[in-house]
């Protein structure tokens, strides 16, 4: 059993904040060991958000051993299917979703010799549109606030 999709976050504006986050990570690993859950430390990543962030290096102990590794830093993270970057911009997410929708549209067009207007509307609504609308409550709010 693995503890997937666990997030630890907090301010990292000062040394005290950084030590608190590192302490939280250590406590989380201890808790996981107690309850026999595993964190794959090699897959754990750090996404630094904000201008004041100190961009510290965080460490994590591997499950079942005393080996401690530095967590790798990432510039793009996927959470609940939505890709975000350190500036909380969703342009890469939008690009990926549009590409998926275009591939699906191409698949529909290649699969049928003839599509009448009503059938094409149904196919578009069922197979293409969901890709374009996925996660729009997140990125559309961000676009409106700009």
Protein backbone atom coordinates (compact mmCIF):
# COMPACT_ATOMS: atom_id res chain seq x y z
CA UNK A 1 0.00 0.00 0.00
CA UNK A 2 1.33 3.41 -0.97
CA UNK A 3 0.35 6.85 0.30
CA UNK A 4 -0.29 8.41 -3.11
CA UNK A 5 -1.33 12.02 -3.66
CA UNK A 6 -0.21 13.28 -0.28
CA UNK A 7 0.64 16.98 -0.21
CA UNK A 8 2.59 18.94 2.37
CA UNK A 9 2.56 22.68 1.92
CA UNK A 10 3.23 25.83 3.84
CA UNK A 11 5.08 29.13 3.77
CA UNK A 12 8.80 28.98 3.12
CA UNK A 13 9.72 32.63 3.56
CA UNK A 14 12.16 32.17 6.44
CA UNK A 15 14.48 29.60 7.99
CA UNK A 16 11.86 28.88 10.66
CA UNK A 17 9.27 28.06 7.97
CA UNK A 18 11.74 25.83 6.13
CA UNK A 19 12.62 23.93 9.32
CA UNK A 20 8.91 23.52 10.10
CA UNK A 21 8.23 22.08 6.62
CA UNK A 22 11.19 19.69 6.97
CA UNK A 23 9.90 18.65 10.40
CA UNK A 24 6.46 18.03 8.89
CA UNK A 25 8.03 15.81 6.22
CA UNK A 26 9.94 13.86 8.86
CA UNK A 27 6.79 13.41 10.94
CA UNK A 28 4.88 12.25 7.88
CA UNK A 29 7.50 9.59 7.10
CA UNK A 30 7.47 8.41 10.73
CA UNK A 31 3.66 8.23 10.66
CA UNK A 32 3.74 6.26 7.39
CA UNK A 33 6.24 3.79 8.85
CA UNK A 34 4.06 3.32 11.93
CA UNK A 35 0.98 2.59 9.82
CA UNK A 36 2.96 0.53 7.28
CA UNK A 37 2.30 2.88 4.40
CA UNK A 38 5.05 3.68 1.93
CA UNK A 39 6.23 6.88 0.36
CA UNK A 40 8.39 6.34 -2.66
CA UNK A 41 10.94 9.04 -1.84
CA UNK A 42 12.39 8.82 -5.35
CA UNK A 43 9.04 9.95 -6.80
CA UNK A 44 8.40 12.72 -4.25
CA UNK A 45 8.95 16.23 -5.60
CA UNK A 46 9.05 19.85 -4.48
CA UNK A 47 7.21 22.62 -6.32
CA UNK A 48 8.25 26.08 -5.09
CA UNK A 49 5.45 28.64 -5.32
CA UNK A 50 5.64 32.39 -4.80
CA UNK A 51 8.20 35.15 -5.12
CA UNK A 52 9.32 35.13 -1.47
CA UNK A 53 9.97 31.39 -1.43
CA UNK A 54 13.52 30.56 -0.30
CA UNK A 55 13.62 27.52 -2.63
CA UNK A 56 15.18 25.33 0.02
CA UNK A 57 16.23 21.73 -0.51
CA UNK A 58 14.11 19.25 1.45
CA UNK A 59 15.11 15.75 2.46
CA UNK A 60 13.16 12.56 2.97
CA UNK A 61 14.03 9.21 4.48
CA UNK A 62 13.40 6.19 2.29
CA UNK A 63 10.81 3.73 3.57
CA UNK A 64 12.25 1.01 5.77
CA UNK A 65 15.80 2.35 5.76
CA UNK A 66 17.91 5.12 7.19
CA UNK A 67 18.94 6.41 3.75
CA UNK A 68 18.01 10.08 3.32
CA UNK A 69 17.69 11.62 -0.12
CA UNK A 70 17.16 15.16 -1.41
CA UNK A 71 13.74 15.63 -2.96
CA UNK A 72 13.88 16.65 -6.60
CA UNK A 73 12.53 20.03 -7.63
CA UNK A 74 9.90 20.23 -10.36
CA UNK A 75 8.58 23.07 -12.48
CA UNK A 76 5.32 21.39 -13.52
CA UNK A 77 3.10 19.26 -11.34
CA UNK A 78 -0.15 17.44 -12.07
CA UNK A 79 -2.74 17.42 -9.29
CA UNK A 80 -6.17 15.89 -9.89
CA UNK A 81 -5.44 15.99 -13.61
CA UNK A 82 -4.64 19.71 -13.72
CA UNK A 83 -1.07 20.75 -14.58
CA UNK A 84 0.29 23.79 -12.76
CA UNK A 85 3.60 25.60 -12.75
CA UNK A 86 5.37 27.61 -10.01
CA UNK A 87 3.56 30.79 -11.10
CA UNK A 88 0.17 29.01 -10.97
CA UNK A 89 -0.29 29.53 -14.68
CA UNK A 90 -2.25 26.90 -16.52
CA UNK A 91 -1.05 27.51 -20.08
CA UNK A 92 0.65 24.11 -20.26
CA UNK A 93 -2.50 22.44 -18.94
CA UNK A 94 -4.60 24.21 -21.57
CA UNK A 95 -2.15 23.25 -24.31
CA UNK A 96 -2.26 19.58 -23.29
CA UNK A 97 -6.05 19.53 -23.13
CA UNK A 98 -6.43 21.21 -26.53
CA UNK A 99 -3.99 18.69 -28.00
CA UNK A 100 -6.04 15.82 -26.54
CA UNK A 101 -9.24 17.31 -27.93
CA UNK A 102 -7.67 17.75 -31.37
CA UNK A 103 -6.43 14.14 -31.36
CA UNK A 104 -9.92 12.93 -30.44
CA UNK A 105 -11.46 15.07 -33.18
CA UNK A 106 -8.99 13.61 -35.68
CA UNK A 107 -9.88 10.10 -34.52
CA UNK A 108 -13.58 10.80 -35.09
CA UNK A 109 -12.93 12.23 -38.56
CA UNK A 110 -10.74 9.27 -39.55
CA UNK A 111 -13.20 6.71 -38.19
CA UNK A 112 -16.20 7.73 -40.25
CA UNK A 113 -16.60 8.17 -44.00
CA UNK A 114 -19.67 10.31 -43.55
CA UNK A 115 -21.00 12.18 -40.50
CA UNK A 116 -24.20 14.17 -40.61
CA UNK A 117 -24.45 17.35 -38.58
CA UNK A 118 -26.47 15.86 -35.70
CA UNK A 119 -24.15 12.86 -35.27
CA UNK A 120 -21.08 15.10 -35.35
CA UNK A 121 -22.60 17.30 -32.65
CA UNK A 122 -23.24 14.23 -30.48
CA UNK A 123 -19.72 12.87 -31.04
CA UNK A 124 -18.17 16.26 -30.32
CA UNK A 125 -20.21 16.73 -27.14
CA UNK A 126 -19.42 13.22 -25.90
CA UNK A 127 -15.76 12.79 -26.90
CA UNK A 128 -14.11 16.16 -27.59
CA UNK A 129 -15.78 18.74 -25.36
CA UNK A 130 -14.95 16.96 -22.05
CA UNK A 131 -11.24 17.39 -22.79
CA UNK A 132 -11.71 21.10 -23.39
CA UNK A 133 -13.78 21.57 -20.23
CA UNK A 134 -11.62 19.45 -17.91
CA UNK A 135 -10.46 21.52 -14.93
CA UNK A 136 -11.97 24.70 -16.32
CA UNK A 137 -13.23 25.78 -12.89
CA UNK A 138 -9.56 26.14 -11.86
CA UNK A 139 -7.97 27.76 -14.88
CA UNK A 140 -10.97 29.85 -15.95
CA UNK A 141 -11.05 31.52 -12.52
CA UNK A 142 -7.36 32.35 -12.88
CA UNK A 143 -7.93 33.84 -16.37
CA UNK A 144 -10.84 35.97 -15.11
CA UNK A 145 -8.68 37.41 -12.32
CA UNK A 146 -5.97 38.62 -14.73
